[in-house]
Every structure is written in C-alpha cells, then in structure tokens.
C-alpha cells in the first residue's frame, strides 16, 4: 500500500471519529448533569413513591394478564425461538452487574457502583421488553416434568414470579432515593432490594435451564 495514500485516509477517518467522540463525551456529561440535577432537586418522596407503587401495580397486572389470560396466536409458533435464551442471558448479565456493583460499593467506589447498578437496570429493562414480546408471541410454556423435578421447578418459578412483583417497585424506589441524594434511605432499602433483585435474576436463568432440559 502506498504510504502517501494511507495518510490522507487517516485524516479523513479522523474527521469522522473526532465528532463521534465529542458527541459521546457530551452525552456522558449531559447524563451525569441530569443525575446531579436530580440529586440537588427538592423532590418530595411521598408522591413519587406512591406513583411508583401505582405504576408497578399496573405493570404487574398487565404481566399477569399476559401470562394467564392472553392466548398467543398460532401464527408465531416456531418463530423467534431465541427469545427465551436471550431472556436468560439478560438475567445472567444483570446478576453479574449486581455482584460487580456490590463489590464496588464495598470498596467505597460509589461512581463505579452507580455505573454497575445502572447497567444492571438496563439489562433488566431490556429483559422485560423481551419477556413481554416472547409471551405475547408464544404464550406460557408448560413444564412437562413430573415428580420431584416438577415440584422443584414450580417452587423456583413461584418464588421467582412473586419476588419479581416485589422487586419492581423496590428497585425503582431504591434508584429514586439514590438519584435524589437521599443516600441514608437508599442504603436502608437497598439492603432488602439487592438480594431480592439478585434472586429474581438468578432464578430467571434457572427457570430457563429447567425448560431447556424438559420442554424446549
């Protein structure tokens, strides 16, 4: 390759990379400015927590309807079958991010802790979208196993479903206290939120493992 031709190419590439890097830095600055503004804002917790409970109740009601009332169309049978595996992957990544976040806060690295928890929240949010799409298209999957295996699966599933309903408002409330600078309340509720959130994420993977072995 002619080195004289390569140098202008690098300059042309730099013309594209530099603006992208600047935009990325601007986005990060705007994001952290937003968080900083929330920390300084005088937001009363009572109406916000009340709104979180109401929204969470509506979300849980929709999910229960999706699970036990909605009937999936046969047109999507055999299509988009990667979604259960994607859901398990997102749950696993969320669990890892949660553990990393716990490590960072134990070592007083609150910035890395915040980033890890936001990543965990992002994985959970994408999981929720994928979960809704999967059940809307395919409906609920019946576990065909019998005996002690079925009992174990149903026990894990029941605890997973019940605690996921509890986790949603608790996670949102924990984030609200953190982002508004109420760190004493954040730490208090996070001690309960963290193990529930982690358990729901891990058991989400276990439910997929059982279904993969016996149903898929």
Protein backbone atom coordinates (compact mmCIF):
# COMPACT_ATOMS: atom_id res chain seq x y z
CA UNK A 1 0.00 0.00 0.00
CA UNK A 2 1.26 3.48 -0.83
CA UNK A 3 2.01 5.33 2.43
CA UNK A 4 1.13 8.64 0.80
CA UNK A 5 -2.38 7.31 0.12
CA UNK A 6 -2.71 5.98 3.66
CA UNK A 7 -2.02 9.29 5.43
CA UNK A 8 -4.94 11.19 3.85
CA UNK A 9 -7.17 8.20 4.63
CA UNK A 10 -6.27 8.51 8.32
CA UNK A 11 -7.02 12.19 8.20
CA UNK A 12 -10.40 11.50 6.62
CA UNK A 13 -11.14 8.86 9.26
CA UNK A 14 -10.21 11.34 11.96
CA UNK A 15 -12.75 13.77 10.57
CA UNK A 16 -15.45 11.20 11.35
CA UNK A 17 -14.07 9.79 14.62
CA UNK A 18 -13.43 13.14 16.34
CA UNK A 19 -17.06 14.38 16.10
CA UNK A 20 -18.35 10.98 17.28
CA UNK A 21 -16.01 11.05 20.29
CA UNK A 22 -17.09 14.61 21.08
CA UNK A 23 -20.77 13.62 20.88
CA UNK A 24 -20.13 10.64 23.17
CA UNK A 25 -18.42 12.87 25.73
CA UNK A 26 -21.26 15.40 25.51
CA UNK A 27 -23.80 12.62 26.09
CA UNK A 28 -21.96 11.39 29.19
CA UNK A 29 -21.69 14.94 30.53
CA UNK A 30 -25.39 15.58 29.93
CA UNK A 31 -26.30 12.27 31.60
CA UNK A 32 -24.27 12.97 34.73
CA UNK A 33 -25.50 16.57 34.79
CA UNK A 34 -29.04 15.17 34.78
CA UNK A 35 -28.24 12.88 37.71
CA UNK A 36 -26.55 15.75 39.55
CA UNK A 37 -29.60 17.93 38.99
CA UNK A 38 -31.87 15.24 40.43
CA UNK A 39 -29.63 14.94 43.49
CA UNK A 40 -29.96 18.67 44.14
CA UNK A 41 -33.69 18.88 43.43
CA UNK A 42 -36.09 19.16 46.33
CA UNK A 43 -38.43 16.34 45.31
CA UNK A 44 -40.86 15.09 47.92
CA UNK A 45 -40.53 11.29 48.17
CA UNK A 46 -44.13 10.51 49.15
CA UNK A 47 -45.89 11.29 45.82
CA UNK A 48 -43.04 9.75 43.82
CA UNK A 49 -43.07 6.51 45.82
CA UNK A 50 -46.87 6.47 45.54
CA UNK A 51 -46.61 6.85 41.77
CA UNK A 52 -44.02 4.05 41.66
CA UNK A 53 -46.38 1.73 43.54
CA UNK A 54 -49.29 2.57 41.21
CA UNK A 55 -47.23 2.14 38.03
CA UNK A 56 -45.73 -1.10 39.36
CA UNK A 57 -49.21 -2.40 40.18
CA UNK A 58 -50.40 -1.65 36.66
CA UNK A 59 -47.31 -3.31 35.18
CA UNK A 60 -47.77 -6.42 37.33
CA UNK A 61 -51.46 -6.60 36.40
CA UNK A 62 -50.55 -6.44 32.72
CA UNK A 63 -47.94 -9.18 33.12
CA UNK A 64 -50.40 -11.44 34.95
CA UNK A 65 -52.93 -10.88 32.17
CA UNK A 66 -50.24 -11.69 29.62
CA UNK A 67 -49.27 -14.87 31.45
CA UNK A 68 -52.64 -16.32 32.41
CA UNK A 69 -55.32 -14.72 30.20
CA UNK A 70 -53.71 -13.84 26.88
CA UNK A 71 -53.68 -16.58 24.24
CA UNK A 72 -50.82 -16.43 21.75
CA UNK A 73 -51.56 -16.71 18.05
CA UNK A 74 -50.56 -19.95 16.34
CA UNK A 75 -49.06 -17.89 13.52
CA UNK A 76 -45.90 -17.32 15.59
CA UNK A 77 -45.33 -20.95 16.59
CA UNK A 78 -41.74 -21.89 15.83
CA UNK A 79 -40.68 -18.29 15.19
CA UNK A 80 -38.46 -16.03 17.31
CA UNK A 81 -37.49 -19.04 19.41
CA UNK A 82 -34.27 -17.33 20.51
CA UNK A 83 -36.17 -15.10 22.95
CA UNK A 84 -36.13 -17.47 25.98
CA UNK A 85 -32.35 -17.85 25.67
CA UNK A 86 -32.00 -14.08 25.29
CA UNK A 87 -34.07 -13.59 28.44
CA UNK A 88 -31.83 -15.98 30.37
CA UNK A 89 -28.73 -14.20 29.06
CA UNK A 90 -30.07 -10.80 30.14
CA UNK A 91 -30.92 -12.17 33.58
CA UNK A 92 -27.44 -13.61 33.92
CA UNK A 93 -25.79 -10.36 32.85
CA UNK A 94 -27.97 -8.46 35.31
CA UNK A 95 -26.88 -10.78 38.13
CA UNK A 96 -23.22 -10.24 37.21
CA UNK A 97 -23.67 -6.45 37.10
CA UNK A 98 -25.36 -6.55 40.52
CA UNK A 99 -22.48 -8.51 42.04
CA UNK A 100 -19.95 -6.14 40.48
CA UNK A 101 -21.90 -3.19 41.88
CA UNK A 102 -21.85 -4.79 45.34
CA UNK A 103 -18.09 -5.25 45.09
CA UNK A 104 -17.55 -1.61 44.18
CA UNK A 105 -19.70 -0.20 46.99
CA UNK A 106 -17.95 -2.49 49.49
CA UNK A 107 -14.71 -0.84 48.37
CA UNK A 108 -16.20 2.69 48.56
CA UNK A 109 -16.07 3.22 44.79
CA UNK A 110 -19.50 4.80 44.53
CA UNK A 111 -19.08 6.04 40.94
CA UNK A 112 -18.31 2.55 39.64
CA UNK A 113 -21.10 1.21 41.87
CA UNK A 114 -23.59 3.63 40.33
CA UNK A 115 -22.49 2.68 36.81
CA UNK A 116 -22.80 -1.04 37.59
CA UNK A 117 -26.28 -0.65 39.01
CA UNK A 118 -27.42 1.43 36.05
CA UNK A 119 -26.08 -1.31 33.77
CA UNK A 120 -27.99 -3.91 35.80
CA UNK A 121 -31.14 -1.80 35.49
CA UNK A 122 -30.60 -1.54 31.71
CA UNK A 123 -30.28 -5.33 31.42
CA UNK A 124 -33.46 -5.80 33.47
CA UNK A 125 -35.32 -3.26 31.34
CA UNK A 126 -34.32 -4.95 28.08
CA UNK A 127 -35.22 -8.31 29.64
CA UNK A 128 -38.71 -7.03 30.50
CA UNK A 129 -39.27 -5.94 26.90
CA UNK A 130 -38.00 -9.27 25.55
CA UNK A 131 -40.09 -11.18 28.11
CA UNK A 132 -43.27 -9.36 27.10
CA UNK A 133 -42.60 -9.95 23.40
CA UNK A 134 -41.88 -13.65 24.00
CA UNK A 135 -45.08 -14.27 25.96
CA UNK A 136 -47.16 -12.16 23.58
CA UNK A 137 -45.96 -14.30 20.67
CA UNK A 138 -45.64 -17.74 22.25
CA UNK A 139 -47.73 -17.70 25.42
CA UNK A 140 -46.78 -19.56 28.58
CA UNK A 141 -44.65 -22.72 28.41
CA UNK A 142 -45.98 -25.69 30.35
CA UNK A 143 -43.35 -27.68 32.22
CA UNK A 144 -43.76 -31.36 31.24
CA UNK A 145 -41.66 -32.88 34.02
CA UNK A 146 -43.11 -34.97 36.83
CA UNK A 147 -42.36 -35.90 40.41
CA UNK A 148 -39.70 -34.16 42.47
CA UNK A 149 -38.32 -32.31 39.44
CA UNK A 150 -41.69 -30.71 38.79
CA UNK A 151 -42.07 -29.78 42.46
CA UNK A 152 -38.62 -28.16 42.46
CA UNK A 153 -39.34 -26.28 39.23
CA UNK A 154 -42.72 -24.98 40.42
CA UNK A 155 -41.18 -23.88 43.73
CA UNK A 156 -38.47 -21.91 41.93
CA UNK A 157 -40.98 -20.49 39.46
CA UNK A 158 -43.44 -19.43 42.16
CA UNK A 159 -40.75 -17.68 44.22
CA UNK A 160 -39.38 -16.06 41.06
CA UNK A 161 -42.76 -14.68 39.99
CA UNK A 162 -43.79 -13.47 43.45
CA UNK A 163 -40.47 -11.78 44.21
CA UNK A 164 -40.30 -10.20 40.75
CA UNK A 165 -43.56 -8.40 41.59
CA UNK A 166 -41.99 -7.17 44.82
CA UNK A 167 -38.69 -6.28 43.14
CA UNK A 168 -40.13 -3.86 40.58
CA UNK A 169 -41.34 -1.11 42.96
CA UNK A 170 -38.40 -1.69 45.29
CA UNK A 171 -35.81 -1.27 42.52
CA UNK A 172 -37.47 1.91 41.27
CA UNK A 173 -37.72 3.31 44.79
CA UNK A 174 -34.09 2.46 45.54
CA UNK A 175 -32.98 4.27 42.39
CA UNK A 176 -35.17 7.25 43.24
CA UNK A 177 -33.56 7.65 46.67
CA UNK A 178 -30.09 7.37 45.15
CA UNK A 179 -30.65 9.78 42.26
CA UNK A 180 -32.17 12.39 44.55
CA UNK A 181 -29.30 12.24 47.04
CA UNK A 182 -31.21 10.52 49.87
CA UNK A 183 -28.38 8.08 50.48
CA UNK A 184 -29.38 7.06 54.01
CA UNK A 185 -32.77 5.87 52.73
CA UNK A 186 -31.11 4.41 49.65
CA UNK A 187 -28.77 2.26 51.75
CA UNK A 188 -31.60 1.18 54.03
CA UNK A 189 -33.89 -0.06 51.27
CA UNK A 190 -31.02 -1.35 49.09
CA UNK A 191 -30.18 -3.93 51.78
CA UNK A 192 -33.56 -5.53 51.02
CA UNK A 193 -33.78 -4.71 47.32
CA UNK A 194 -30.39 -6.16 46.39
CA UNK A 195 -30.90 -9.81 47.49
CA UNK A 196 -34.42 -9.86 46.03
CA UNK A 197 -33.25 -8.43 42.69
CA UNK A 198 -30.30 -10.84 42.59
CA UNK A 199 -32.51 -13.83 43.45
CA UNK A 200 -35.02 -12.93 40.73
CA UNK A 201 -32.22 -12.62 38.17
CA UNK A 202 -30.60 -15.94 39.10
CA UNK A 203 -33.86 -17.88 39.28
CA UNK A 204 -34.79 -16.45 35.87
CA UNK A 205 -31.78 -18.30 34.50
CA UNK A 206 -32.69 -21.45 36.44
CA UNK A 207 -36.24 -21.44 35.06
CA UNK A 208 -34.81 -21.34 31.53
CA UNK A 209 -32.40 -24.21 32.34
CA UNK A 210 -35.30 -26.38 33.52
CA UNK A 211 -37.41 -25.57 30.47
CA UNK A 212 -34.44 -26.08 28.15
CA UNK A 213 -33.88 -29.55 29.62
CA UNK A 214 -37.51 -30.67 29.62
CA UNK A 215 -39.64 -28.52 27.30
CA UNK A 216 -37.70 -26.75 24.52
